[in-house]
Full PDB file with SEQRES, HELIX, SHEET, SSBOND, CRYST1, ORIGX, SCALE, CONECT and MASTER records, all heavy atoms in Angstrom:
SEQRES   1 A   38  ALA LYS ALA GLY ILE ASP PRO ALA GLY LEU ARG ALA THR          
SEQRES   2 A   38  VAL GLU ALA HIS ASN THR ALA ILE GLU THR GLY ALA PRO          
SEQRES   3 A   38  ASP PRO VAL GLY LYS PRO ALA GLU PHE THR ASN PRO              
HELIX    1 AA1 PRO A    7  THR A   23  1                                  17    
HELIX    2 AA2 ALA A   33  PHE A   35  5                                   3    
CRYST1    1.000    1.000    1.000  90.00  90.00  90.00 P 1           1          
ORIGX1      1.000000  0.000000  0.000000        0.00000                         
ORIGX2      0.000000  1.000000  0.000000        0.00000                         
ORIGX3      0.000000  0.000000  1.000000        0.00000                         
SCALE1      1.000000  0.000000  0.000000        0.00000                         
SCALE2      0.000000  1.000000  0.000000        0.00000                         
SCALE3      0.000000  0.000000  1.000000        0.00000                         
ATOM      1  N   ALA A   1     121.273 108.736 109.201  1.00  0.00           N  
ATOM      2  CA  ALA A   1     121.938 109.003 110.477  1.00  0.00           C  
ATOM      3  C   ALA A   1     120.943 109.507 111.514  1.00  0.00           C  
ATOM      4  O   ALA A   1     120.995 109.109 112.690  1.00  0.00           O  
ATOM      5  CB  ALA A   1     123.064 110.014 110.279  1.00  0.00           C  
ATOM      6  N   LYS A   2     120.026 110.370 111.116  1.00  0.00           N  
ATOM      7  CA  LYS A   2     119.016 110.881 112.047  1.00  0.00           C  
ATOM      8  C   LYS A   2     118.099 109.767 112.554  1.00  0.00           C  
ATOM      9  O   LYS A   2     117.670 109.780 113.707  1.00  0.00           O  
ATOM     10  CB  LYS A   2     118.183 111.960 111.367  1.00  0.00           C  
ATOM     11  CG  LYS A   2     118.891 113.280 111.125  1.00  0.00           C  
ATOM     12  CD  LYS A   2     117.931 114.273 110.464  1.00  0.00           C  
ATOM     13  CE  LYS A   2     118.576 115.618 110.215  1.00  0.00           C  
ATOM     14  NZ  LYS A   2     117.622 116.559 109.541  1.00  0.00           N  
ATOM     15  N   ALA A   3     117.790 108.799 111.679  1.00  0.00           N  
ATOM     16  CA  ALA A   3     116.849 107.738 112.046  1.00  0.00           C  
ATOM     17  C   ALA A   3     117.516 106.585 112.775  1.00  0.00           C  
ATOM     18  O   ALA A   3     116.835 105.732 113.338  1.00  0.00           O  
ATOM     19  CB  ALA A   3     116.159 107.214 110.788  1.00  0.00           C  
ATOM     20  N   GLY A   4     118.834 106.537 112.767  1.00  0.00           N  
ATOM     21  CA  GLY A   4     119.536 105.419 113.376  1.00  0.00           C  
ATOM     22  C   GLY A   4     119.703 104.244 112.443  1.00  0.00           C  
ATOM     23  O   GLY A   4     119.860 103.097 112.877  1.00  0.00           O  
ATOM     24  N   ILE A   5     119.679 104.521 111.141  1.00  0.00           N  
ATOM     25  CA  ILE A   5     119.857 103.496 110.109  1.00  0.00           C  
ATOM     26  C   ILE A   5     121.292 103.574 109.597  1.00  0.00           C  
ATOM     27  O   ILE A   5     121.880 104.660 109.503  1.00  0.00           O  
ATOM     28  CB  ILE A   5     118.860 103.728 108.953  1.00  0.00           C  
ATOM     29  CG1 ILE A   5     117.432 103.604 109.455  1.00  0.00           C  
ATOM     30  CG2 ILE A   5     119.104 102.760 107.808  1.00  0.00           C  
ATOM     31  CD1 ILE A   5     116.384 104.019 108.423  1.00  0.00           C  
ATOM     32  N   ASP A   6     121.875 102.437 109.235  1.00  0.00           N  
ATOM     33  CA  ASP A   6     123.221 102.420 108.686  1.00  0.00           C  
ATOM     34  C   ASP A   6     123.247 103.178 107.354  1.00  0.00           C  
ATOM     35  O   ASP A   6     122.625 102.746 106.380  1.00  0.00           O  
ATOM     36  CB  ASP A   6     123.672 100.976 108.466  1.00  0.00           C  
ATOM     37  CG  ASP A   6     125.034 100.893 107.807  1.00  0.00           C  
ATOM     38  OD1 ASP A   6     125.908 101.692 108.149  1.00  0.00           O  
ATOM     39  OD2 ASP A   6     125.205 100.037 106.912  1.00  0.00           O  
ATOM     40  N   PRO A   7     123.939 104.319 107.275  1.00  0.00           N  
ATOM     41  CA  PRO A   7     123.931 105.117 106.045  1.00  0.00           C  
ATOM     42  C   PRO A   7     124.481 104.378 104.835  1.00  0.00           C  
ATOM     43  O   PRO A   7     123.927 104.464 103.736  1.00  0.00           O  
ATOM     44  CB  PRO A   7     124.811 106.323 106.402  1.00  0.00           C  
ATOM     45  CG  PRO A   7     124.748 106.418 107.892  1.00  0.00           C  
ATOM     46  CD  PRO A   7     124.682 104.998 108.364  1.00  0.00           C  
ATOM     47  N   ALA A   8     125.579 103.633 105.017  1.00  0.00           N  
ATOM     48  CA  ALA A   8     126.172 102.913 103.890  1.00  0.00           C  
ATOM     49  C   ALA A   8     125.223 101.826 103.386  1.00  0.00           C  
ATOM     50  O   ALA A   8     125.098 101.607 102.172  1.00  0.00           O  
ATOM     51  CB  ALA A   8     127.513 102.311 104.296  1.00  0.00           C  
ATOM     52  N   GLY A   9     124.554 101.159 104.324  1.00  0.00           N  
ATOM     53  CA  GLY A   9     123.601 100.124 103.936  1.00  0.00           C  
ATOM     54  C   GLY A   9     122.433 100.690 103.158  1.00  0.00           C  
ATOM     55  O   GLY A   9     121.990 100.111 102.160  1.00  0.00           O  
ATOM     56  N   LEU A  10     121.929 101.832 103.593  1.00  0.00           N  
ATOM     57  CA  LEU A  10     120.808 102.459 102.885  1.00  0.00           C  
ATOM     58  C   LEU A  10     121.241 102.923 101.506  1.00  0.00           C  
ATOM     59  O   LEU A  10     120.511 102.741 100.521  1.00  0.00           O  
ATOM     60  CB  LEU A  10     120.264 103.636 103.702  1.00  0.00           C  
ATOM     61  CG  LEU A  10     119.015 104.301 103.127  1.00  0.00           C  
ATOM     62  CD1 LEU A  10     117.854 103.312 103.066  1.00  0.00           C  
ATOM     63  CD2 LEU A  10     118.615 105.535 103.947  1.00  0.00           C  
ATOM     64  N   ARG A  11     122.421 103.519 101.397  1.00  0.00           N  
ATOM     65  CA  ARG A  11     122.916 103.968 100.102  1.00  0.00           C  
ATOM     66  C   ARG A  11     123.047 102.787  99.132  1.00  0.00           C  
ATOM     67  O   ARG A  11     122.634 102.870  97.973  1.00  0.00           O  
ATOM     68  CB  ARG A  11     124.263 104.672 100.269  1.00  0.00           C  
ATOM     69  CG  ARG A  11     125.006 104.958  98.974  1.00  0.00           C  
ATOM     70  CD  ARG A  11     124.239 105.881  98.046  1.00  0.00           C  
ATOM     71  NE  ARG A  11     124.144 107.243  98.574  1.00  0.00           N  
ATOM     72  CZ  ARG A  11     123.498 108.227  97.962  1.00  0.00           C  
ATOM     73  NH1 ARG A  11     122.883 107.977  96.793  1.00  0.00           N  
ATOM     74  NH2 ARG A  11     123.430 109.428  98.506  1.00  0.00           N  
ATOM     75  N   ALA A  12     123.571 101.666  99.610  1.00  0.00           N  
ATOM     76  CA  ALA A  12     123.739 100.494  98.755  1.00  0.00           C  
ATOM     77  C   ALA A  12     122.382  99.943  98.302  1.00  0.00           C  
ATOM     78  O   ALA A  12     122.218  99.537  97.145  1.00  0.00           O  
ATOM     79  CB  ALA A  12     124.520  99.409  99.498  1.00  0.00           C  
ATOM     80  N   THR A  13     121.417  99.960  99.205  1.00  0.00           N  
ATOM     81  CA  THR A  13     120.078  99.469  98.871  1.00  0.00           C  
ATOM     82  C   THR A  13     119.437 100.326  97.791  1.00  0.00           C  
ATOM     83  O   THR A  13     118.858  99.822  96.825  1.00  0.00           O  
ATOM     84  CB  THR A  13     119.194  99.463 100.134  1.00  0.00           C  
ATOM     85  OG1 THR A  13     119.662  98.437 101.016  1.00  0.00           O  
ATOM     86  CG2 THR A  13     117.736  99.207  99.801  1.00  0.00           C  
ATOM     87  N   VAL A  14     119.537 101.645  97.938  1.00  0.00           N  
ATOM     88  CA  VAL A  14     118.936 102.558  96.966  1.00  0.00           C  
ATOM     89  C   VAL A  14     119.628 102.433  95.612  1.00  0.00           C  
ATOM     90  O   VAL A  14     118.965 102.424  94.558  1.00  0.00           O  
ATOM     91  CB  VAL A  14     118.989 104.008  97.487  1.00  0.00           C  
ATOM     92  CG1 VAL A  14     118.598 104.994  96.388  1.00  0.00           C  
ATOM     93  CG2 VAL A  14     118.065 104.160  98.686  1.00  0.00           C  
ATOM     94  N   GLU A  15     120.943 102.302  95.613  1.00  0.00           N  
ATOM     95  CA  GLU A  15     121.648 102.175  94.337  1.00  0.00           C  
ATOM     96  C   GLU A  15     121.270 100.880  93.623  1.00  0.00           C  
ATOM     97  O   GLU A  15     121.084 100.864  92.398  1.00  0.00           O  
ATOM     98  CB  GLU A  15     123.156 102.235  94.588  1.00  0.00           C  
ATOM     99  CG  GLU A  15     123.636 103.634  94.981  1.00  0.00           C  
ATOM    100  CD  GLU A  15     125.133 103.694  95.239  1.00  0.00           C  
ATOM    101  OE1 GLU A  15     125.777 102.615  95.269  1.00  0.00           O  
ATOM    102  OE2 GLU A  15     125.666 104.814  95.428  1.00  0.00           O  
ATOM    103  N   ALA A  16     121.147  99.794  94.370  1.00  0.00           N  
ATOM    104  CA  ALA A  16     120.739  98.527  93.755  1.00  0.00           C  
ATOM    105  C   ALA A  16     119.314  98.627  93.201  1.00  0.00           C  
ATOM    106  O   ALA A  16     119.018  98.126  92.105  1.00  0.00           O  
ATOM    107  CB  ALA A  16     120.829  97.398  94.784  1.00  0.00           C  
ATOM    108  N   HIS A  17     118.466  99.309  93.939  1.00  0.00           N  
ATOM    109  CA  HIS A  17     117.073  99.507  93.508  1.00  0.00           C  
ATOM    110  C   HIS A  17     117.011 100.352  92.229  1.00  0.00           C  
ATOM    111  O   HIS A  17     116.342  99.977  91.257  1.00  0.00           O  
ATOM    112  CB  HIS A  17     116.301 100.191  94.633  1.00  0.00           C  
ATOM    113  CG  HIS A  17     114.951 100.706  94.247  1.00  0.00           C  
ATOM    114  ND1 HIS A  17     113.866  99.887  94.041  1.00  0.00           N  
ATOM    115  CD2 HIS A  17     114.500 101.972  94.020  1.00  0.00           C  
ATOM    116  CE1 HIS A  17     112.815 100.604  93.717  1.00  0.00           C  
ATOM    117  NE2 HIS A  17     113.165 101.881  93.694  1.00  0.00           N  
ATOM    118  N   ASN A  18     117.707 101.465  92.223  1.00  0.00           N  
ATOM    119  CA  ASN A  18     117.703 102.353  91.048  1.00  0.00           C  
ATOM    120  C   ASN A  18     118.339 101.691  89.834  1.00  0.00           C  
ATOM    121  O   ASN A  18     117.855 101.840  88.698  1.00  0.00           O  
ATOM    122  CB  ASN A  18     118.427 103.658  91.376  1.00  0.00           C  
ATOM    123  CG  ASN A  18     117.629 104.545  92.326  1.00  0.00           C  
ATOM    124  OD1 ASN A  18     116.442 104.309  92.562  1.00  0.00           O  
ATOM    125  ND2 ASN A  18     118.279 105.565  92.871  1.00  0.00           N  
ATOM    126  N   THR A  19     119.403 100.956  90.061  1.00  0.00           N  
ATOM    127  CA  THR A  19     120.087 100.289  88.948  1.00  0.00           C  
ATOM    128  C   THR A  19     119.177  99.247  88.303  1.00  0.00           C  
ATOM    129  O   THR A  19     119.157  99.100  87.071  1.00  0.00           O  
ATOM    130  CB  THR A  19     121.381  99.629  89.443  1.00  0.00           C  
ATOM    131  OG1 THR A  19     122.260 100.641  89.937  1.00  0.00           O  
ATOM    132  CG2 THR A  19     122.065  98.873  88.314  1.00  0.00           C  
ATOM    133  N   ALA A  20     118.415  98.521  89.110  1.00  0.00           N  
ATOM    134  CA  ALA A  20     117.494  97.522  88.567  1.00  0.00           C  
ATOM    135  C   ALA A  20     116.458  98.178  87.664  1.00  0.00           C  
ATOM    136  O   ALA A  20     116.117  97.650  86.595  1.00  0.00           O  
ATOM    137  CB  ALA A  20     116.813  96.765  89.710  1.00  0.00           C  
ATOM    138  N   ILE A  21     115.970  99.348  88.065  1.00  0.00           N  
ATOM    139  CA  ILE A  21     114.992 100.059  87.240  1.00  0.00           C  
ATOM    140  C   ILE A  21     115.636 100.522  85.932  1.00  0.00           C  
ATOM    141  O   ILE A  21     115.069 100.361  84.839  1.00  0.00           O  
ATOM    142  CB  ILE A  21     114.414 101.255  88.019  1.00  0.00           C  
ATOM    143  CG1 ILE A  21     113.612 100.763  89.227  1.00  0.00           C  
ATOM    144  CG2 ILE A  21     113.534 102.113  87.118  1.00  0.00           C  
ATOM    145  CD1 ILE A  21     113.114 101.884  90.132  1.00  0.00           C  
ATOM    146  N   GLU A  22     116.839 101.082  86.023  1.00  0.00           N  
ATOM    147  CA  GLU A  22     117.525 101.612  84.840  1.00  0.00           C  
ATOM    148  C   GLU A  22     117.859 100.521  83.827  1.00  0.00           C  
ATOM    149  O   GLU A  22     117.786 100.730  82.610  1.00  0.00           O  
ATOM    150  CB  GLU A  22     118.805 102.320  85.276  1.00  0.00           C  
ATOM    151  CG  GLU A  22     118.558 103.593  86.062  1.00  0.00           C  
ATOM    152  CD  GLU A  22     119.827 104.105  86.728  1.00  0.00           C  
ATOM    153  OE1 GLU A  22     120.897 103.457  86.544  1.00  0.00           O  
ATOM    154  OE2 GLU A  22     119.771 105.138  87.422  1.00  0.00           O  
ATOM    155  N   THR A  23     118.228  99.344  84.304  1.00  0.00           N  
ATOM    156  CA  THR A  23     118.678  98.277  83.411  1.00  0.00           C  
ATOM    157  C   THR A  23     117.570  97.305  83.029  1.00  0.00           C  
ATOM    158  O   THR A  23     117.795  96.409  82.199  1.00  0.00           O  
ATOM    159  CB  THR A  23     119.818  97.490  84.072  1.00  0.00           C  
ATOM    160  OG1 THR A  23     119.335  96.891  85.292  1.00  0.00           O  
ATOM    161  CG2 THR A  23     120.997  98.412  84.381  1.00  0.00           C  
ATOM    162  N   GLY A  24     116.407  97.469  83.654  1.00  0.00           N  
ATOM    163  CA  GLY A  24     115.313  96.537  83.385  1.00  0.00           C  
ATOM    164  C   GLY A  24     115.467  95.207  84.079  1.00  0.00           C  
ATOM    165  O   GLY A  24     114.773  94.236  83.745  1.00  0.00           O  
ATOM    166  N   ALA A  25     116.346  95.138  85.080  1.00  0.00           N  
ATOM    167  CA  ALA A  25     116.534  93.906  85.846  1.00  0.00           C  
ATOM    168  C   ALA A  25     115.393  93.746  86.856  1.00  0.00           C  
ATOM    169  O   ALA A  25     114.710  94.717  87.204  1.00  0.00           O  
ATOM    170  CB  ALA A  25     117.877  93.945  86.568  1.00  0.00           C  
ATOM    171  N   PRO A  26     115.178  92.532  87.339  1.00  0.00           N  
ATOM    172  CA  PRO A  26     114.133  92.329  88.357  1.00  0.00           C  
ATOM    173  C   PRO A  26     114.418  93.136  89.614  1.00  0.00           C  
ATOM    174  O   PRO A  26     115.575  93.353  89.980  1.00  0.00           O  
ATOM    175  CB  PRO A  26     114.186  90.830  88.640  1.00  0.00           C  
ATOM    176  CG  PRO A  26     114.833  90.234  87.421  1.00  0.00           C  
ATOM    177  CD  PRO A  26     115.810  91.260  86.937  1.00  0.00           C  
ATOM    178  N   ASP A  27     113.377  93.568  90.269  1.00  0.00           N  
ATOM    179  CA  ASP A  27     113.525  94.273  91.541  1.00  0.00           C  
ATOM    180  C   ASP A  27     114.206  93.338  92.547  1.00  0.00           C  
ATOM    181  O   ASP A  27     113.915  92.141  92.579  1.00  0.00           O  
ATOM    182  CB  ASP A  27     112.142  94.682  92.059  1.00  0.00           C  
ATOM    183  CG  ASP A  27     112.211  95.389  93.398  1.00  0.00           C  
ATOM    184  OD1 ASP A  27     112.633  96.554  93.431  1.00  0.00           O  
ATOM    185  OD2 ASP A  27     111.835  94.756  94.416  1.00  0.00           O  
ATOM    186  N   PRO A  28     115.110  93.852  93.378  1.00  0.00           N  
ATOM    187  CA  PRO A  28     115.851  92.995  94.310  1.00  0.00           C  
ATOM    188  C   PRO A  28     114.992  92.167  95.255  1.00  0.00           C  
ATOM    189  O   PRO A  28     115.421  91.097  95.686  1.00  0.00           O  
ATOM    190  CB  PRO A  28     116.725  93.999  95.079  1.00  0.00           C  
ATOM    191  CG  PRO A  28     116.963  95.104  94.096  1.00  0.00           C  
ATOM    192  CD  PRO A  28     115.663  95.229  93.343  1.00  0.00           C  
ATOM    193  N   VAL A  29     113.782  92.637  95.608  1.00  0.00           N  
ATOM    194  CA  VAL A  29     112.917  91.826  96.474  1.00  0.00           C  
ATOM    195  C   VAL A  29     111.679  91.336  95.726  1.00  0.00           C  
ATOM    196  O   VAL A  29     110.725  90.867  96.339  1.00  0.00           O  
ATOM    197  CB  VAL A  29     112.509  92.595  97.754  1.00  0.00           C  
ATOM    198  CG1 VAL A  29     113.725  92.920  98.592  1.00  0.00           C  
ATOM    199  CG2 VAL A  29     111.717  93.855  97.424  1.00  0.00           C  
ATOM    200  N   GLY A  30     111.696  91.451  94.391  1.00  0.00           N  
ATOM    201  CA  GLY A  30     110.636  90.852  93.595  1.00  0.00           C  
ATOM    202  C   GLY A  30     109.403  91.694  93.382  1.00  0.00           C  
ATOM    203  O   GLY A  30     108.368  91.171  92.927  1.00  0.00           O  
ATOM    204  N   LYS A  31     109.475  92.988  93.658  1.00  0.00           N  
ATOM    205  CA  LYS A  31     108.306  93.827  93.434  1.00  0.00           C  
ATOM    206  C   LYS A  31     108.063  93.977  91.929  1.00  0.00           C  
ATOM    207  O   LYS A  31     108.995  94.186  91.169  1.00  0.00           O  
ATOM    208  CB  LYS A  31     108.501  95.199  94.092  1.00  0.00           C  
ATOM    209  CG  LYS A  31     107.296  96.124  93.940  1.00  0.00           C  
ATOM    210  CD  LYS A  31     107.291  97.227  94.986  1.00  0.00           C  
ATOM    211  CE  LYS A  31     108.464  98.163  94.876  1.00  0.00           C  
ATOM    212  NZ  LYS A  31     108.370  99.263  95.864  1.00  0.00           N  
ATOM    213  N   PRO A  32     106.801  93.905  91.491  1.00  0.00           N  
ATOM    214  CA  PRO A  32     106.512  94.071  90.059  1.00  0.00           C  
ATOM    215  C   PRO A  32     106.996  95.419  89.543  1.00  0.00           C  
ATOM    216  O   PRO A  32     106.930  96.439  90.240  1.00  0.00           O  
ATOM    217  CB  PRO A  32     104.991  93.956  89.997  1.00  0.00           C  
ATOM    218  CG  PRO A  32     104.621  93.131  91.189  1.00  0.00           C  
ATOM    219  CD  PRO A  32     105.591  93.528  92.259  1.00  0.00           C  
ATOM    220  N   ALA A  33     107.467  95.426  88.298  1.00  0.00           N  
ATOM    221  CA  ALA A  33     108.100  96.619  87.729  1.00  0.00           C  
ATOM    222  C   ALA A  33     107.175  97.819  87.712  1.00  0.00           C  
ATOM    223  O   ALA A  33     107.629  98.964  87.873  1.00  0.00           O  
ATOM    224  CB  ALA A  33     108.596  96.310  86.308  1.00  0.00           C  
ATOM    225  N   GLU A  34     105.867  97.610  87.520  1.00  0.00           N  
ATOM    226  CA  GLU A  34     104.962  98.755  87.427  1.00  0.00           C  
ATOM    227  C   GLU A  34     104.805  99.501  88.738  1.00  0.00           C  
ATOM    228  O   GLU A  34     104.275 100.616  88.776  1.00  0.00           O  
ATOM    229  CB  GLU A  34     103.583  98.325  86.914  1.00  0.00           C  
ATOM    230  CG  GLU A  34     102.818  97.374  87.819  1.00  0.00           C  
ATOM    231  CD  GLU A  34     102.990  95.935  87.415  1.00  0.00           C  
ATOM    232  OE1 GLU A  34     104.098  95.570  86.960  1.00  0.00           O  
ATOM    233  OE2 GLU A  34     102.020  95.165  87.547  1.00  0.00           O  
ATOM    234  N   PHE A  35     105.277  98.903  89.837  1.00  0.00           N  
ATOM    235  CA  PHE A  35     105.179  99.575  91.129  1.00  0.00           C  
ATOM    236  C   PHE A  35     106.506 100.165  91.588  1.00  0.00           C  
ATOM    237  O   PHE A  35     106.566 100.798  92.646  1.00  0.00           O  
ATOM    238  CB  PHE A  35     104.658  98.603  92.198  1.00  0.00           C  
ATOM    239  CG  PHE A  35     103.268  98.108  91.951  1.00  0.00           C  
ATOM    240  CD1 PHE A  35     103.027  96.775  91.675  1.00  0.00           C  
ATOM    241  CD2 PHE A  35     102.190  98.979  91.979  1.00  0.00           C  
ATOM    242  CE1 PHE A  35     101.753  96.304  91.448  1.00  0.00           C  
ATOM    243  CE2 PHE A  35     100.902  98.524  91.753  1.00  0.00           C  
ATOM    244  CZ  PHE A  35     100.679  97.180  91.480  1.00  0.00           C  
ATOM    245  N   THR A  36     107.558  99.956  90.832  1.00  0.00           N  
ATOM    246  CA  THR A  36     108.853 100.486  91.251  1.00  0.00           C  
ATOM    247  C   THR A  36     108.989 101.951  90.880  1.00  0.00           C  
ATOM    248  O   THR A  36     108.428 102.418  89.890  1.00  0.00           O  
ATOM    249  CB  THR A  36     110.005  99.682  90.621  1.00  0.00           C  
ATOM    250  OG1 THR A  36     109.894  99.752  89.195  1.00  0.00           O  
ATOM    251  CG2 THR A  36     109.968  98.236  91.075  1.00  0.00           C  
ATOM    252  N   ASN A  37     109.741 102.662  91.687  1.00  0.00           N  
ATOM    253  CA  ASN A  37     109.901 104.095  91.498  1.00  0.00           C  
ATOM    254  C   ASN A  37     111.323 104.476  91.928  1.00  0.00           C  
ATOM    255  O   ASN A  37     111.720 104.172  93.056  1.00  0.00           O  
ATOM    256  CB  ASN A  37     108.881 104.859  92.358  1.00  0.00           C  
ATOM    257  CG  ASN A  37     108.761 106.311  91.973  1.00  0.00           C  
ATOM    258  OD1 ASN A  37     108.159 106.630  90.950  1.00  0.00           O  
ATOM    259  ND2 ASN A  37     109.312 107.188  92.792  1.00  0.00           N  
ATOM    260  N   PRO A  38     112.110 105.125  91.083  1.00  0.00           N  
ATOM    261  CA  PRO A  38     113.477 105.467  91.481  1.00  0.00           C  
ATOM    262  C   PRO A  38     113.496 106.458  92.631  1.00  0.00           C  
ATOM    263  O   PRO A  38     112.627 107.336  92.739  1.00  0.00           O  
ATOM    264  CB  PRO A  38     114.084 106.069  90.208  1.00  0.00           C  
ATOM    265  CG  PRO A  38     112.915 106.519  89.394  1.00  0.00           C  
ATOM    266  CD  PRO A  38     111.804 105.565  89.700  1.00  0.00           C  
TER     267      PRO A  38                                                      
MASTER        0    0    0    2    0    0    0    6  266    1    0    3          
END                                                                             
């Protein structure tokens, strides 16, 4: 909200990112697993 970013959109992006790490699924934009960080 402070930055002018859609809060719901950011929350959904972070949850999809974290879930991919937890389940071992590919990163949503294709980043190699060794560079991902929850």
